[in-house]
Amino acid sequence: MKQKLTLTKTLLSEPEILLLDEPASGLDPVARKELSDILKSLSTQEITIIISSHILTELSDFCISVGIMENGKMG
């Protein structure tokens, strides 16, 4: 619930860029699905979403492009 509340509060200011670090961390499967649905709906708006995550399979559901950083460099 804390992560949902934080995301909601952040979106109220209508940011142009949203930076999320491990947004699904600690979420149960239902909450992960809800987060995925929210991110999918945000992708239709004029907002850039940058997500840091080690769960690449979840990212593939709503990301347009994926970059992998290793040792501080994009690969």
N, C-alpha and C. Protein backbone atom coordinates (compact mmCIF):
# COMPACT_ATOMS: atom_id res chain seq x y z
N MET A 1 0.83 -1.20 0.00
CA MET A 1 0.00 0.00 0.00
C MET A 1 0.86 1.26 0.00
N LYS A 2 2.01 1.20 0.68
CA LYS A 2 2.89 2.37 0.72
C LYS A 2 3.38 2.73 -0.67
N GLN A 3 3.75 1.70 -1.45
CA GLN A 3 4.24 1.97 -2.79
C GLN A 3 3.15 2.55 -3.68
N LYS A 4 1.93 2.05 -3.55
CA LYS A 4 0.82 2.59 -4.33
C LYS A 4 0.56 4.04 -3.96
N LEU A 5 0.58 4.32 -2.67
CA LEU A 5 0.34 5.69 -2.20
C LEU A 5 1.44 6.63 -2.70
N THR A 6 2.67 6.20 -2.61
CA THR A 6 3.78 7.02 -3.08
C THR A 6 3.68 7.29 -4.58
N LEU A 7 3.35 6.27 -5.35
CA LEU A 7 3.19 6.44 -6.80
C LEU A 7 2.04 7.40 -7.09
N THR A 8 0.95 7.25 -6.40
CA THR A 8 -0.21 8.12 -6.60
C THR A 8 0.13 9.57 -6.28
N LYS A 9 0.80 9.79 -5.15
CA LYS A 9 1.20 11.15 -4.77
C LYS A 9 2.14 11.75 -5.82
N THR A 10 3.04 10.95 -6.33
CA THR A 10 3.98 11.42 -7.34
C THR A 10 3.26 11.80 -8.62
N LEU A 11 2.30 11.00 -9.04
CA LEU A 11 1.59 11.25 -10.29
C LEU A 11 0.68 12.47 -10.23
N LEU A 12 0.29 12.88 -9.02
CA LEU A 12 -0.57 14.06 -8.89
C LEU A 12 0.10 15.32 -9.42
N SER A 13 1.43 15.37 -9.36
CA SER A 13 2.15 16.55 -9.84
C SER A 13 2.39 16.51 -11.35
N GLU A 14 1.88 15.47 -12.02
CA GLU A 14 1.99 15.30 -13.47
C GLU A 14 3.43 15.45 -13.96
N PRO A 15 4.33 14.57 -13.50
CA PRO A 15 5.73 14.69 -13.90
C PRO A 15 5.93 14.30 -15.36
N GLU A 16 6.97 14.87 -15.97
CA GLU A 16 7.32 14.51 -17.34
C GLU A 16 8.15 13.23 -17.35
N ILE A 17 8.91 13.01 -16.28
CA ILE A 17 9.76 11.84 -16.15
C ILE A 17 9.48 11.18 -14.80
N LEU A 18 9.33 9.88 -14.81
CA LEU A 18 9.09 9.11 -13.60
C LEU A 18 10.21 8.08 -13.47
N LEU A 19 10.96 8.15 -12.38
CA LEU A 19 12.07 7.24 -12.14
C LEU A 19 11.68 6.29 -11.02
N LEU A 20 11.61 5.00 -11.33
CA LEU A 20 11.20 3.99 -10.35
C LEU A 20 12.34 3.00 -10.12
N ASP A 21 12.66 2.76 -8.86
CA ASP A 21 13.70 1.82 -8.50
C ASP A 21 13.05 0.60 -7.86
N GLU A 22 13.10 -0.52 -8.55
CA GLU A 22 12.51 -1.78 -8.07
C GLU A 22 11.06 -1.56 -7.58
N PRO A 23 10.19 -1.06 -8.45
CA PRO A 23 8.83 -0.74 -7.99
C PRO A 23 8.01 -1.95 -7.55
N ALA A 24 8.34 -3.14 -8.02
CA ALA A 24 7.56 -4.33 -7.65
C ALA A 24 8.13 -5.04 -6.42
N SER A 25 9.19 -4.50 -5.87
CA SER A 25 9.82 -5.13 -4.71
C SER A 25 8.86 -5.18 -3.53
N GLY A 26 8.68 -6.37 -2.99
CA GLY A 26 7.83 -6.54 -1.81
C GLY A 26 6.34 -6.60 -2.10
N LEU A 27 5.97 -6.58 -3.36
CA LEU A 27 4.55 -6.62 -3.70
C LEU A 27 4.08 -8.07 -3.90
N ASP A 28 2.86 -8.33 -3.51
CA ASP A 28 2.28 -9.65 -3.75
C ASP A 28 1.86 -9.73 -5.22
N PRO A 29 1.53 -10.91 -5.72
CA PRO A 29 1.19 -11.05 -7.15
C PRO A 29 0.05 -10.15 -7.63
N VAL A 30 -0.95 -9.95 -6.81
CA VAL A 30 -2.07 -9.08 -7.22
C VAL A 30 -1.60 -7.63 -7.35
N ALA A 31 -0.81 -7.18 -6.39
CA ALA A 31 -0.30 -5.81 -6.43
C ALA A 31 0.67 -5.62 -7.60
N ARG A 32 1.44 -6.65 -7.93
CA ARG A 32 2.35 -6.57 -9.09
C ARG A 32 1.55 -6.39 -10.38
N LYS A 33 0.44 -7.11 -10.50
CA LYS A 33 -0.43 -6.99 -11.67
C LYS A 33 -1.03 -5.59 -11.74
N GLU A 34 -1.47 -5.07 -10.60
CA GLU A 34 -2.03 -3.73 -10.56
C GLU A 34 -0.99 -2.69 -10.97
N LEU A 35 0.24 -2.85 -10.46
CA LEU A 35 1.32 -1.93 -10.83
C LEU A 35 1.59 -1.99 -12.33
N SER A 36 1.62 -3.20 -12.86
CA SER A 36 1.84 -3.38 -14.30
C SER A 36 0.74 -2.68 -15.10
N ASP A 37 -0.50 -2.81 -14.67
CA ASP A 37 -1.62 -2.16 -15.36
C ASP A 37 -1.49 -0.64 -15.31
N ILE A 38 -1.07 -0.12 -14.16
CA ILE A 38 -0.88 1.33 -14.01
C ILE A 38 0.21 1.81 -14.96
N LEU A 39 1.33 1.09 -14.99
CA LEU A 39 2.44 1.49 -15.85
C LEU A 39 2.07 1.39 -17.33
N LYS A 40 1.28 0.39 -17.69
CA LYS A 40 0.81 0.28 -19.07
C LYS A 40 -0.07 1.47 -19.43
N SER A 41 -0.95 1.88 -18.54
CA SER A 41 -1.82 3.02 -18.83
C SER A 41 -1.02 4.32 -18.88
N LEU A 42 0.02 4.43 -18.08
CA LEU A 42 0.86 5.64 -18.12
C LEU A 42 1.65 5.73 -19.42
N SER A 43 1.95 4.59 -20.02
CA SER A 43 2.75 4.59 -21.24
C SER A 43 2.01 5.22 -22.40
N THR A 44 0.70 5.37 -22.30
CA THR A 44 -0.07 6.01 -23.37
C THR A 44 -0.08 7.53 -23.20
N GLN A 45 0.40 8.01 -22.07
CA GLN A 45 0.46 9.45 -21.81
C GLN A 45 1.85 9.97 -22.16
N GLU A 46 1.99 11.27 -22.18
CA GLU A 46 3.29 11.86 -22.49
C GLU A 46 4.16 11.92 -21.24
N ILE A 47 4.61 10.76 -20.82
CA ILE A 47 5.46 10.66 -19.64
C ILE A 47 6.54 9.62 -19.93
N THR A 48 7.76 9.95 -19.57
CA THR A 48 8.87 9.02 -19.72
C THR A 48 9.04 8.29 -18.40
N ILE A 49 9.05 6.98 -18.46
CA ILE A 49 9.19 6.17 -17.25
C ILE A 49 10.50 5.40 -17.35
N ILE A 50 11.36 5.61 -16.36
CA ILE A 50 12.63 4.89 -16.28
C ILE A 50 12.55 3.98 -15.07
N ILE A 51 12.75 2.69 -15.29
CA ILE A 51 12.62 1.70 -14.22
C ILE A 51 13.93 0.96 -14.04
N SER A 52 14.37 0.90 -12.80
CA SER A 52 15.53 0.08 -12.45
C SER A 52 14.98 -1.20 -11.82
N SER A 53 15.29 -2.34 -12.43
CA SER A 53 14.76 -3.60 -11.92
C SER A 53 15.63 -4.76 -12.38
N HIS A 54 15.67 -5.79 -11.57
CA HIS A 54 16.38 -7.01 -11.97
C HIS A 54 15.42 -8.06 -12.50
N ILE A 55 14.12 -7.76 -12.51
CA ILE A 55 13.10 -8.70 -12.99
C ILE A 55 12.75 -8.31 -14.43
N LEU A 56 13.57 -8.75 -15.36
CA LEU A 56 13.41 -8.34 -16.75
C LEU A 56 12.13 -8.86 -17.40
N THR A 57 11.65 -10.01 -16.96
CA THR A 57 10.42 -10.55 -17.56
C THR A 57 9.22 -9.65 -17.27
N GLU A 58 9.17 -9.03 -16.10
CA GLU A 58 8.07 -8.12 -15.80
C GLU A 58 8.17 -6.86 -16.64
N LEU A 59 9.38 -6.40 -16.89
CA LEU A 59 9.55 -5.18 -17.67
C LEU A 59 9.09 -5.35 -19.11
N SER A 60 9.24 -6.55 -19.63
CA SER A 60 8.89 -6.78 -21.03
C SER A 60 7.40 -6.58 -21.31
N ASP A 61 6.57 -6.61 -20.28
CA ASP A 61 5.14 -6.42 -20.47
C ASP A 61 4.76 -4.98 -20.80
N PHE A 62 5.58 -4.01 -20.38
CA PHE A 62 5.17 -2.62 -20.58
C PHE A 62 6.28 -1.69 -21.04
N CYS A 63 7.46 -2.20 -21.30
CA CYS A 63 8.56 -1.34 -21.74
C CYS A 63 8.67 -1.31 -23.26
N ILE A 64 9.01 -0.15 -23.77
CA ILE A 64 9.24 0.02 -25.21
C ILE A 64 10.67 -0.37 -25.53
N SER A 65 11.60 0.01 -24.65
CA SER A 65 13.00 -0.35 -24.85
C SER A 65 13.62 -0.68 -23.50
N VAL A 66 14.67 -1.49 -23.55
CA VAL A 66 15.36 -1.93 -22.34
C VAL A 66 16.84 -1.70 -22.54
N GLY A 67 17.48 -1.13 -21.54
CA GLY A 67 18.93 -0.96 -21.54
C GLY A 67 19.50 -1.70 -20.35
N ILE A 68 20.62 -2.33 -20.56
CA ILE A 68 21.25 -3.07 -19.46
C ILE A 68 22.55 -2.37 -19.11
N MET A 69 22.67 -2.02 -17.83
CA MET A 69 23.85 -1.34 -17.36
C MET A 69 24.71 -2.31 -16.58
N GLU A 70 25.99 -2.34 -16.91
CA GLU A 70 26.93 -3.21 -16.21
C GLU A 70 28.20 -2.42 -15.93
N ASN A 71 28.62 -2.45 -14.68
CA ASN A 71 29.81 -1.70 -14.26
C ASN A 71 29.72 -0.22 -14.63
N GLY A 72 28.52 0.34 -14.50
CA GLY A 72 28.34 1.77 -14.77
C GLY A 72 28.24 2.16 -16.22
N LYS A 73 28.19 1.19 -17.12
CA LYS A 73 28.12 1.49 -18.55
C LYS A 73 26.93 0.77 -19.18
N MET A 74 26.27 1.47 -20.11
CA MET A 74 25.17 0.84 -20.83
C MET A 74 25.74 -0.12 -21.85
N GLY A 75 25.18 -1.35 -21.86
CA GLY A 75 25.69 -2.35 -22.78
C GLY A 75 24.71 -2.71 -23.83
